[in-house]
Amino acid sequence: MKFSGEFAALVLLILVVSTSEAAISCSDVIKDLRPCVSYLVSGSGLPPAACCSGAKALASAASTTEDKKTACNCIKSTAKSISINSQLAQALPGNCGITLPVSISPNADCSKVG
């Protein structure tokens, strides 16, 4: 995967930025959504099964307001660091048959998550 070096640096950045009070951590969010990175950057059609499995795991794990805000901030930071296709990102939850408590966007307003 051509994004592995950037992705590793991004994980470290997100771990530094993460909120320690939440039960979910940025590393959890990254682990869940890692299979989605190449799809969100340059994919087409439906997301891979591993991506949907990870998105479902994230949706289940982000249950409290703090968890949702942590996930939102992690995703927002990640989306700013890699160039994702916003249409694929917006369609991801529906294409996986789930509802995510946060949007996958570099412009998400995490203060309104909850």
Protein backbone atom coordinates (compact mmCIF):
# COMPACT_ATOMS: atom_id res chain seq x y z
CA MET A 1 0.00 0.00 0.00
CA LYS A 2 1.59 3.24 -1.09
CA PHE A 3 0.25 5.23 1.91
CA SER A 4 1.87 3.08 4.61
CA GLY A 5 4.66 5.54 5.51
CA GLU A 6 2.30 8.50 5.57
CA PHE A 7 -0.24 6.43 7.44
CA ALA A 8 2.25 5.45 10.16
CA ALA A 9 3.21 9.11 10.67
CA LEU A 10 -0.45 10.02 10.73
CA VAL A 11 -1.20 7.44 13.41
CA LEU A 12 1.54 8.91 15.59
CA LEU A 13 0.17 12.41 15.05
CA ILE A 14 -3.33 11.32 15.95
CA LEU A 15 -2.17 9.49 19.05
CA VAL A 16 -0.57 12.71 20.27
CA VAL A 17 -3.76 14.68 19.60
CA SER A 18 -6.15 12.11 21.06
CA THR A 19 -8.38 12.79 24.04
CA SER A 20 -7.50 10.57 26.98
CA GLU A 21 -10.87 10.85 28.76
CA ALA A 22 -12.83 8.89 26.20
CA ALA A 23 -13.18 5.13 26.30
CA ILE A 24 -12.39 4.97 22.59
CA SER A 25 -8.95 6.09 21.44
CA CYS A 26 -7.63 7.43 18.18
CA SER A 27 -5.70 4.20 17.75
CA ASP A 28 -9.03 2.33 17.93
CA VAL A 29 -10.52 4.60 15.28
CA ILE A 30 -7.46 4.23 13.04
CA LYS A 31 -7.45 0.44 13.48
CA ASP A 32 -11.12 0.26 12.53
CA LEU A 33 -10.90 2.54 9.50
CA ARG A 34 -7.45 1.57 8.20
CA PRO A 35 -8.94 -0.88 5.66
CA CYS A 36 -10.88 2.07 4.21
CA VAL A 37 -7.93 4.37 3.46
CA SER A 38 -7.08 3.25 -0.07
CA TYR A 39 -10.78 3.03 -0.96
CA LEU A 40 -11.45 6.56 0.34
CA VAL A 41 -8.45 7.95 -1.53
CA SER A 42 -8.79 6.26 -4.90
CA GLY A 43 -11.54 3.66 -4.78
CA SER A 44 -14.72 3.27 -6.73
CA GLY A 45 -17.92 1.28 -6.41
CA LEU A 46 -18.63 -0.38 -3.09
CA PRO A 47 -16.11 -0.38 -0.24
CA PRO A 48 -14.22 -3.59 0.55
CA ALA A 49 -15.73 -5.93 3.14
CA ALA A 50 -12.87 -5.26 5.59
CA CYS A 51 -13.62 -1.54 5.40
CA CYS A 52 -17.30 -2.09 6.20
CA SER A 53 -16.39 -4.42 9.07
CA GLY A 54 -14.14 -1.75 10.54
CA ALA A 55 -16.75 0.98 10.07
CA LYS A 56 -19.32 -1.24 11.83
CA ALA A 57 -16.89 -1.83 14.70
CA LEU A 58 -16.35 1.92 15.02
CA ALA A 59 -20.10 2.60 14.98
CA SER A 60 -20.56 0.09 17.81
CA ALA A 61 -17.59 1.37 19.84
CA ALA A 62 -18.45 5.08 19.65
CA SER A 63 -21.40 5.00 22.02
CA THR A 64 -20.92 7.97 24.35
CA THR A 65 -20.73 11.65 23.43
CA GLU A 66 -17.04 11.69 24.40
CA ASP A 67 -16.37 8.63 22.23
CA LYS A 68 -18.13 10.25 19.28
CA LYS A 69 -16.19 13.51 19.71
CA THR A 70 -12.91 11.61 19.97
CA ALA A 71 -13.73 9.61 16.84
CA CYS A 72 -14.77 12.77 15.03
CA ASN A 73 -11.53 14.58 15.88
CA CYS A 74 -9.44 11.57 14.84
CA ILE A 75 -11.26 11.22 11.55
CA LYS A 76 -11.13 14.97 10.91
CA SER A 77 -7.36 15.06 11.50
CA THR A 78 -6.82 12.02 9.31
CA ALA A 79 -9.00 13.37 6.52
CA LYS A 80 -6.97 16.60 6.51
CA SER A 81 -3.70 14.67 6.22
CA ILE A 82 -4.67 12.43 3.31
CA SER A 83 -6.62 13.49 0.28
CA ILE A 84 -9.87 11.54 0.50
CA ASN A 85 -12.67 11.53 -2.04
CA SER A 86 -15.46 13.36 -0.19
CA GLN A 87 -18.20 11.64 -2.20
CA LEU A 88 -16.89 8.19 -1.28
CA ALA A 89 -16.51 9.28 2.34
CA GLN A 90 -20.08 10.58 2.55
CA ALA A 91 -21.44 7.45 0.89
CA LEU A 92 -19.40 5.02 2.99
CA PRO A 93 -21.89 4.45 5.84
CA GLY A 94 -24.80 3.89 3.44
CA ASN A 95 -22.72 1.65 1.19
CA CYS A 96 -21.81 -0.43 4.25
CA GLY A 97 -25.42 -0.51 5.46
CA ILE A 98 -24.70 1.33 8.71
CA THR A 99 -25.09 4.70 10.36
CA LEU A 100 -21.88 6.27 11.63
CA PRO A 101 -22.21 8.69 14.55
CA VAL A 102 -19.63 10.97 12.89
CA SER A 103 -18.94 12.12 9.37
CA ILE A 104 -15.76 11.26 7.50
CA SER A 105 -14.68 14.73 6.53
CA PRO A 106 -11.83 17.19 7.05
CA ASN A 107 -14.51 19.83 7.68
CA ALA A 108 -16.56 18.03 10.32
CA ASP A 109 -17.78 20.19 13.22
CA CYS A 110 -16.92 17.89 16.11
CA SER A 111 -18.42 20.28 18.66
CA LYS A 112 -21.88 19.36 17.33
CA VAL A 113 -21.34 15.60 17.65
CA GLY A 114 -23.21 13.89 20.41
